[in-house]
C-alpha atoms as a PDB file:
ATOM      1  CA  MET A   1      79.171  86.094  77.979  1.00  0.00           C
ATOM      2  CA  LYS A   2      77.578  88.015  75.048  1.00  0.00           C
ATOM      3  CA  LYS A   3      77.368  85.994  71.759  1.00  0.00           C
ATOM      4  CA  THR A   4      76.868  87.488  68.352  1.00  0.00           C
ATOM      5  CA  GLU A   5      75.293  85.977  65.179  1.00  0.00           C
ATOM      6  CA  LYS A   6      77.441  83.212  63.638  1.00  0.00           C
ATOM      7  CA  ARG A   7      79.531  84.530  60.853  1.00  0.00           C
ATOM      8  CA  LEU A   8      82.591  83.974  58.814  1.00  0.00           C
ATOM      9  CA  ILE A   9      85.749  85.799  59.602  1.00  0.00           C
ATOM     10  CA  THR A  10      89.365  85.489  58.405  1.00  0.00           C
ATOM     11  CA  LEU A  11      92.400  85.089  60.551  1.00  0.00           C
ATOM     12  CA  SER A  12      95.845  85.626  59.017  1.00  0.00           C
ATOM     13  CA  ASP A  13      99.068  84.522  60.658  1.00  0.00           C
ATOM     14  CA  GLY A  14     101.093  87.357  59.260  1.00  0.00           C
ATOM     15  CA  THR A  15     101.216  89.169  55.964  1.00  0.00           C
ATOM     16  CA  GLY A  16     104.439  87.574  54.648  1.00  0.00           C
ATOM     17  CA  MET A  17     104.698  85.000  51.870  1.00  0.00           C
ATOM     18  CA  GLY A  18     104.826  82.070  54.151  1.00  0.00           C
ATOM     19  CA  GLY A  19     101.630  83.069  56.044  1.00  0.00           C
ATOM     20  CA  GLU A  20      98.266  81.544  55.791  1.00  0.00           C
ATOM     21  CA  LEU A  21      94.690  82.899  55.630  1.00  0.00           C
ATOM     22  CA  LEU A  22      92.136  80.967  57.518  1.00  0.00           C
ATOM     23  CA  VAL A  23      88.332  81.131  57.269  1.00  0.00           C
ATOM     24  CA  ILE A  24      86.661  80.589  60.502  1.00  0.00           C
ATOM     25  CA  ARG A  25      82.969  80.520  61.689  1.00  0.00           C
ATOM     26  CA  THR A  26      82.399  82.052  65.076  1.00  0.00           C
ATOM     27  CA  ASP A  27      79.811  83.810  67.381  1.00  0.00           C
ATOM     28  CA  ALA A  28      82.421  85.663  69.372  1.00  0.00           C
ATOM     29  CA  PRO A  29      81.845  89.444  69.481  1.00  0.00           C
ATOM     30  CA  ALA A  30      84.209  91.558  67.438  1.00  0.00           C
ATOM     31  CA  GLU A  31      85.419  93.188  70.565  1.00  0.00           C
ATOM     32  CA  VAL A  32      86.644  89.792  71.982  1.00  0.00           C
ATOM     33  CA  LEU A  33      88.359  88.947  68.671  1.00  0.00           C
ATOM     34  CA  SER A  34      89.953  92.447  68.365  1.00  0.00           C
ATOM     35  CA  GLU A  35      91.335  91.960  71.888  1.00  0.00           C
ATOM     36  CA  LEU A  36      92.752  88.629  71.215  1.00  0.00           C
ATOM     37  CA  GLU A  37      94.287  90.094  67.958  1.00  0.00           C
ATOM     38  CA  LYS A  38      95.935  92.808  70.030  1.00  0.00           C
ATOM     39  CA  ILE A  39      97.363  90.422  72.661  1.00  0.00           C
ATOM     40  CA  SER A  40      98.733  88.124  69.803  1.00  0.00           C
ATOM     41  CA  CYS A  41     100.502  90.993  67.962  1.00  0.00           C
ATOM     42  CA  GLU A  42     101.822  92.443  71.185  1.00  0.00           C
ATOM     43  CA  ILE A  43     103.586  88.999  71.757  1.00  0.00           C
ATOM     44  CA  PHE A  44     105.579  89.648  68.606  1.00  0.00           C
ATOM     45  CA  ILE A  45     106.244  93.281  69.185  1.00  0.00           C
ATOM     46  CA  ASN A  46     107.756  92.220  72.466  1.00  0.00           C
ATOM     47  CA  GLY A  47     110.071  89.740  70.698  1.00  0.00           C
ATOM     48  CA  ALA A  48     108.398  86.403  71.560  1.00  0.00           C
ATOM     49  CA  ASN A  49     107.661  83.456  69.122  1.00  0.00           C
ATOM     50  CA  TYR A  50     104.702  81.623  67.770  1.00  0.00           C
ATOM     51  CA  GLU A  51     104.782  79.236  70.813  1.00  0.00           C
ATOM     52  CA  ASP A  52     103.762  82.222  73.050  1.00  0.00           C
ATOM     53  CA  VAL A  53     100.784  83.226  70.986  1.00  0.00           C
ATOM     54  CA  PRO A  54      97.426  82.147  72.413  1.00  0.00           C
ATOM     55  CA  ILE A  55      95.657  79.468  70.437  1.00  0.00           C
ATOM     56  CA  TRP A  56      92.486  81.340  69.310  1.00  0.00           C
ATOM     57  CA  ALA A  57      90.310  78.169  69.171  1.00  0.00           C
ATOM     58  CA  ASP A  58      91.226  77.248  72.756  1.00  0.00           C
ATOM     59  CA  VAL A  59      90.674  80.586  74.126  1.00  0.00           C
ATOM     60  CA  LEU A  60      87.378  81.275  72.413  1.00  0.00           C
ATOM     61  CA  LYS A  61      85.946  77.674  73.040  1.00  0.00           C
ATOM     62  CA  GLY A  62      87.014  77.992  76.630  1.00  0.00           C
ATOM     63  CA  LYS A  63      84.940  81.143  76.911  1.00  0.00           C
ATOM     64  CA  GLY A  64      81.882  79.314  75.317  1.00  0.00           C
ATOM     65  CA  TYR A  65      82.075  80.686  71.906  1.00  0.00           C
ATOM     66  CA  GLU A  66      82.033  78.782  68.678  1.00  0.00           C
ATOM     67  CA  PHE A  67      85.297  78.724  66.693  1.00  0.00           C
ATOM     68  CA  THR A  68      85.125  76.336  63.647  1.00  0.00           C
ATOM     69  CA  TYR A  69      87.880  76.081  61.059  1.00  0.00           C
ATOM     70  CA  ILE A  70      86.286  76.146  57.468  1.00  0.00           C
ATOM     71  CA  ASP A  71      89.081  76.456  55.061  1.00  0.00           C
ATOM     72  CA  SER A  72      92.568  78.051  54.476  1.00  0.00           C
ATOM     73  CA  CYS A  73      94.975  79.228  51.745  1.00  0.00           C
ATOM     74  CA  THR A  74      98.608  80.158  51.725  1.00  0.00           C
ATOM     75  CA  HIS A  75      99.037  83.924  51.117  1.00  0.00           C
ATOM     76  CA  VAL A  76     101.006  83.597  47.991  1.00  0.00           C
ATOM     77  CA  THR A  77     100.919  80.509  45.554  1.00  0.00           C
ATOM     78  CA  ALA A  78     101.817  79.889  41.965  1.00  0.00           C
ATOM     79  CA  TYR A  79      98.096  80.343  41.192  1.00  0.00           C
ATOM     80  CA  GLY A  80      97.382  83.659  42.949  1.00  0.00           C
ATOM     81  CA  THR A  81      97.026  85.215  46.386  1.00  0.00           C
ATOM     82  CA  SER A  82      94.799  84.421  49.382  1.00  0.00           C
ATOM     83  CA  SER A  83      92.829  87.468  48.624  1.00  0.00           C
ATOM     84  CA  ASP A  84      91.966  86.130  45.209  1.00  0.00           C
ATOM     85  CA  TRP A  85      91.137  82.781  46.633  1.00  0.00           C
ATOM     86  CA  LEU A  86      88.931  84.306  49.298  1.00  0.00           C
ATOM     87  CA  GLU A  87      86.895  86.415  46.918  1.00  0.00           C
ATOM     88  CA  GLU A  88      86.523  83.482  44.546  1.00  0.00           C
ATOM     89  CA  THR A  89      85.607  80.965  47.241  1.00  0.00           C
ATOM     90  CA  PHE A  90      83.574  82.928  49.908  1.00  0.00           C
ATOM     91  CA  GLY A  91      82.833  86.218  48.277  1.00  0.00           C
ATOM     92  CA  GLU A  92      83.308  89.178  50.653  1.00  0.00           C
ATOM     93  CA  ILE A  93      84.103  88.708  54.303  1.00  0.00           C
ATOM     94  CA  ASN A  94      84.411  92.036  55.979  1.00  0.00           C
ATOM     95  CA  GLU A  95      85.611  90.934  59.420  1.00  0.00           C
ATOM     96  CA  LYS A  96      89.542  90.223  59.175  1.00  0.00           C
ATOM     97  CA  TYR A  97      92.031  89.699  61.931  1.00  0.00           C
ATOM     98  CA  VAL A  98      95.834  89.569  61.486  1.00  0.00           C
ATOM     99  CA  ILE A  99      98.412  88.162  63.920  1.00  0.00           C
ATOM    100  CA  GLU A 100     101.418  90.172  62.446  1.00  0.00           C
ATOM    101  CA  ASP A 101     104.495  88.114  63.001  1.00  0.00           C
ATOM    102  CA  GLN A 102     106.762  90.730  61.430  1.00  0.00           C
ATOM    103  CA  PRO A 103     105.524  93.920  63.092  1.00  0.00           C
ATOM    104  CA  ASP A 104     108.792  95.925  62.449  1.00  0.00           C
ATOM    105  CA  LEU A 105     108.184  95.437  58.657  1.00  0.00           C
ATOM    106  CA  PHE A 106     104.541  96.163  58.546  1.00  0.00           C
ATOM    107  CA  LEU A 107     103.206  98.070  61.422  1.00  0.00           C
ATOM    108  CA  GLY A 108     105.614 101.183  61.312  1.00  0.00           C
ATOM    109  CA  ALA A 109     107.954 102.471  63.890  1.00  0.00           C
ATOM    110  CA  ASP A 110     105.293 104.404  65.816  1.00  0.00           C
ATOM    111  CA  LEU A 111     103.469 101.242  66.638  1.00  0.00           C
ATOM    112  CA  MET A 112     106.629  99.422  67.931  1.00  0.00           C
ATOM    113  CA  GLU A 113     106.642 101.747  70.933  1.00  0.00           C
ATOM    114  CA  VAL A 114     103.507 100.022  72.449  1.00  0.00           C
END
């Protein structure tokens, strides 16, 4: 198991108004996180529900990586967006992952044919 330096990442449970942006500290390599993101998105592309999506904390901790919840924000609030909140609270976090729960609305028809 290859660990990387601990860093903050974001994990979004979709891009819709009801979604939430989480800030996580982890030492898992980007390749591992990207693969988990792909698996999670494919579940929705194949028509499944949230109950079928792997719980990232359990998967990564089970592999020996750190996965610590730091903070979260709803994507759209009366006060602004999660992007505004993220920048004001944490500055720039470049490593971002999205579990897209509405792939037909956001990913385009060509990606739906995975």
